C-alpha atoms as a PDB file:
ATOM      1  CA  ILE A   1     100.143  15.607 103.098  1.00  0.00           C
ATOM      2  CA  GLN A   2      96.482  14.779 104.143  1.00  0.00           C
ATOM      3  CA  GLU A   3      96.523  17.512 106.745  1.00  0.00           C
ATOM      4  CA  ALA A   4      97.601  20.068 104.131  1.00  0.00           C
ATOM      5  CA  ARG A   5      94.749  18.953 101.796  1.00  0.00           C
ATOM      6  CA  ASP A   6      92.246  19.150 104.649  1.00  0.00           C
ATOM      7  CA  ALA A   7      93.354  22.714 105.404  1.00  0.00           C
ATOM      8  CA  GLU A   8      93.188  23.584 101.766  1.00  0.00           C
ATOM      9  CA  VAL A   9      89.534  22.332 101.433  1.00  0.00           C
ATOM     10  CA  ALA A  10      88.632  24.230 104.754  1.00  0.00           C
ATOM     11  CA  MET A  11      90.144  27.395 103.319  1.00  0.00           C
ATOM     12  CA  LYS A  12      88.340  27.142 100.020  1.00  0.00           C
ATOM     13  CA  SER A  13      85.021  26.458 101.761  1.00  0.00           C
ATOM     14  CA  CYS A  14      85.403  29.404 104.157  1.00  0.00           C
ATOM     15  CA  ARG A  15      83.084  32.252 103.138  1.00  0.00           C
ATOM     16  CA  GLU A  16      83.170  34.656 106.099  1.00  0.00           C
ATOM     17  CA  GLY A  17      85.608  35.337 108.874  1.00  0.00           C
ATOM     18  CA  CYS A  18      88.567  34.026 106.926  1.00  0.00           C
ATOM     19  CA  GLY A  19      90.575  37.121 106.099  1.00  0.00           C
ATOM     20  CA  LEU A  20      93.665  38.833 107.306  1.00  0.00           C
ATOM     21  CA  THR A  21      93.150  42.093 108.994  1.00  0.00           C
ATOM     22  CA  GLU A  22      96.646  43.326 107.923  1.00  0.00           C
ATOM     23  CA  LEU A  23      99.467  42.727 105.527  1.00  0.00           C
ATOM     24  CA  VAL A  24     101.835  40.025 106.678  1.00  0.00           C
ATOM     25  CA  SER A  25     105.293  38.775 105.543  1.00  0.00           C
ATOM     26  CA  VAL A  26     105.744  35.210 104.701  1.00  0.00           C
ATOM     27  CA  PRO A  27     108.933  33.348 103.479  1.00  0.00           C
ATOM     28  CA  GLN A  28     109.235  32.689  99.755  1.00  0.00           C
ATOM     29  CA  THR A  29     108.724  29.083  98.886  1.00  0.00           C
ATOM     30  CA  THR A  30     111.550  28.823  96.453  1.00  0.00           C
ATOM     31  CA  VAL A  31     115.144  27.959  97.097  1.00  0.00           C
ATOM     32  CA  ASN A  32     118.173  28.953  95.056  1.00  0.00           C
ATOM     33  CA  PHE A  33     120.324  25.943  95.682  1.00  0.00           C
ATOM     34  CA  ASP A  34     123.478  27.668  94.334  1.00  0.00           C
ATOM     35  CA  ASP A  35     123.062  30.349  96.919  1.00  0.00           C
ATOM     36  CA  TRP A  36     122.089  27.855  99.617  1.00  0.00           C
ATOM     37  CA  GLU A  37     125.143  25.708  99.146  1.00  0.00           C
ATOM     38  CA  ARG A  38     127.492  28.760  99.413  1.00  0.00           C
ATOM     39  CA  LYS A  39     126.079  29.540 102.895  1.00  0.00           C
ATOM     40  CA  ASN A  40     127.741  28.115 105.931  1.00  0.00           C
ATOM     41  CA  ALA A  41     125.768  26.081 108.447  1.00  0.00           C
ATOM     42  CA  THR A  42     125.139  29.113 110.677  1.00  0.00           C
ATOM     43  CA  GLU A  43     123.641  31.089 107.794  1.00  0.00           C
ATOM     44  CA  GLN A  44     121.541  28.219 106.634  1.00  0.00           C
ATOM     45  CA  ALA A  45     120.208  27.620 110.168  1.00  0.00           C
ATOM     46  CA  GLN A  46     119.337  31.374 110.497  1.00  0.00           C
ATOM     47  CA  GLU A  47     117.552  31.270 107.241  1.00  0.00           C
ATOM     48  CA  VAL A  48     115.395  28.309 108.225  1.00  0.00           C
ATOM     49  CA  GLN A  49     114.752  29.923 111.596  1.00  0.00           C
ATOM     50  CA  THR A  50     113.700  33.174 109.947  1.00  0.00           C
ATOM     51  CA  GLY A  51     111.305  31.317 107.763  1.00  0.00           C
ATOM     52  CA  LEU A  52     109.818  29.436 110.781  1.00  0.00           C
ATOM     53  CA  TRP A  53     109.495  32.693 112.690  1.00  0.00           C
ATOM     54  CA  LEU A  54     107.750  34.478 109.710  1.00  0.00           C
ATOM     55  CA  LEU A  55     105.302  31.620 109.318  1.00  0.00           C
ATOM     56  CA  HIS A  56     104.532  31.640 113.051  1.00  0.00           C
ATOM     57  CA  GLN A  57     103.971  35.458 112.946  1.00  0.00           C
ATOM     58  CA  ALA A  58     101.612  35.197 109.989  1.00  0.00           C
ATOM     59  CA  LEU A  59      99.708  32.138 111.456  1.00  0.00           C
ATOM     60  CA  SER A  60      99.262  34.033 114.736  1.00  0.00           C
ATOM     61  CA  LEU A  61      97.809  37.091 113.011  1.00  0.00           C
ATOM     62  CA  LEU A  62      95.560  34.940 110.889  1.00  0.00           C
ATOM     63  CA  GLN A  63      94.433  33.105 113.993  1.00  0.00           C
ATOM     64  CA  ALA A  64      93.594  36.274 115.747  1.00  0.00           C
ATOM     65  CA  SER A  65      91.368  37.466 112.847  1.00  0.00           C
ATOM     66  CA  MET A  66      89.773  34.034 112.129  1.00  0.00           C
ATOM     67  CA  THR A  67      86.238  33.299 113.214  1.00  0.00           C
ATOM     68  CA  ASP A  68      85.807  30.026 111.159  1.00  0.00           C
ATOM     69  CA  VAL A  69      86.190  27.203 113.737  1.00  0.00           C
ATOM     70  CA  ASP A  70      87.272  24.593 111.224  1.00  0.00           C
ATOM     71  CA  LEU A  71      89.916  26.694 109.784  1.00  0.00           C
ATOM     72  CA  ASN A  72      91.037  27.831 113.140  1.00  0.00           C
ATOM     73  CA  ASN A  73      91.647  24.165 114.121  1.00  0.00           C
ATOM     74  CA  HIS A  74      93.941  23.806 111.147  1.00  0.00           C
ATOM     75  CA  ILE A  75      95.833  26.991 112.164  1.00  0.00           C
ATOM     76  CA  ASP A  76      96.220  25.673 115.688  1.00  0.00           C
ATOM     77  CA  ASN A  77      97.702  22.387 114.242  1.00  0.00           C
ATOM     78  CA  SER A  78     100.070  24.372 111.989  1.00  0.00           C
ATOM     79  CA  ILE A  79     101.258  26.447 114.913  1.00  0.00           C
ATOM     80  CA  ARG A  80     101.832  23.308 117.006  1.00  0.00           C
ATOM     81  CA  ASN A  81     103.797  21.778 114.059  1.00  0.00           C
ATOM     82  CA  LEU A  82     106.048  24.807 113.865  1.00  0.00           C
ATOM     83  CA  LEU A  83     106.714  24.677 117.659  1.00  0.00           C
ATOM     84  CA  SER A  84     107.630  21.032 117.270  1.00  0.00           C
ATOM     85  CA  ILE A  85     110.034  21.870 114.495  1.00  0.00           C
ATOM     86  CA  ASN A  86     111.662  24.559 116.718  1.00  0.00           C
ATOM     87  CA  ALA A  87     111.993  22.021 119.508  1.00  0.00           C
ATOM     88  CA  VAL A  88     113.798  19.556 117.205  1.00  0.00           C
ATOM     89  CA  LEU A  89     116.113  22.407 116.146  1.00  0.00           C
ATOM     90  CA  ARG A  90     116.890  23.096 119.857  1.00  0.00           C
ATOM     91  CA  SER A  91     117.570  19.438 120.415  1.00  0.00           C
ATOM     92  CA  LEU A  92     120.211  19.616 117.695  1.00  0.00           C
ATOM     93  CA  ASN A  93     121.941  22.381 119.594  1.00  0.00           C
ATOM     94  CA  ILE A  94     121.321  24.801 116.801  1.00  0.00           C
ATOM     95  CA  GLN A  95     122.028  28.261 118.060  1.00  0.00           C
ATOM     96  CA  GLU A  96     119.014  30.132 119.528  1.00  0.00           C
ATOM     97  CA  TYR A  97     117.425  32.454 116.981  1.00  0.00           C
ATOM     98  CA  THR A  98     116.877  36.045 117.789  1.00  0.00           C
ATOM     99  CA  PRO A  99     114.042  37.358 115.587  1.00  0.00           C
ATOM    100  CA  PRO A 100     114.168  40.879 114.150  1.00  0.00           C
ATOM    101  CA  THR A 101     112.038  43.594 115.549  1.00  0.00           C
ATOM    102  CA  SER A 102     110.160  43.705 112.256  1.00  0.00           C
ATOM    103  CA  ALA A 103     109.779  41.661 109.099  1.00  0.00           C
ATOM    104  CA  VAL A 104     110.017  44.811 107.082  1.00  0.00           C
ATOM    105  CA  GLY A 105     112.864  44.512 104.552  1.00  0.00           C
ATOM    106  CA  LEU A 106     113.740  40.896 105.297  1.00  0.00           C
ATOM    107  CA  GLU A 107     115.278  39.249 102.253  1.00  0.00           C
ATOM    108  CA  GLY A 108     113.333  36.373 100.717  1.00  0.00           C
ATOM    109  CA  THR A 109     109.804  37.255 101.829  1.00  0.00           C
ATOM    110  CA  TRP A 110     106.454  38.032 100.255  1.00  0.00           C
ATOM    111  CA  LYS A 111     103.763  40.403 101.510  1.00  0.00           C
ATOM    112  CA  VAL A 112     100.348  38.790 101.576  1.00  0.00           C
ATOM    113  CA  SER A 113      96.726  39.724 102.409  1.00  0.00           C
ATOM    114  CA  SER A 114      93.397  38.320 101.962  1.00  0.00           C
END
């Protein structure tokens, strides 16, 4: 929680070199639990992995366009955390995820820009 607060403070204090150069897709942060419970374990795993992939793509684009050192450190930490989560999923023998060629049209996403 503290790491998230620190990242929020760094983002709010950033004045230059903190924007995205293009539109990115990110997973929606809401869950419809009725829909979620109707899905089988494979569908749930794919949805989680899609969200992780989208976050990784967005963070990588942000990292490439970022010149603020403090904020870039928070982005690096976030990417490492996502990679750790993916490693945990692999250790649980969850089927390997094959990302789509594009995030265009993926259900449950938002387009964001700076």
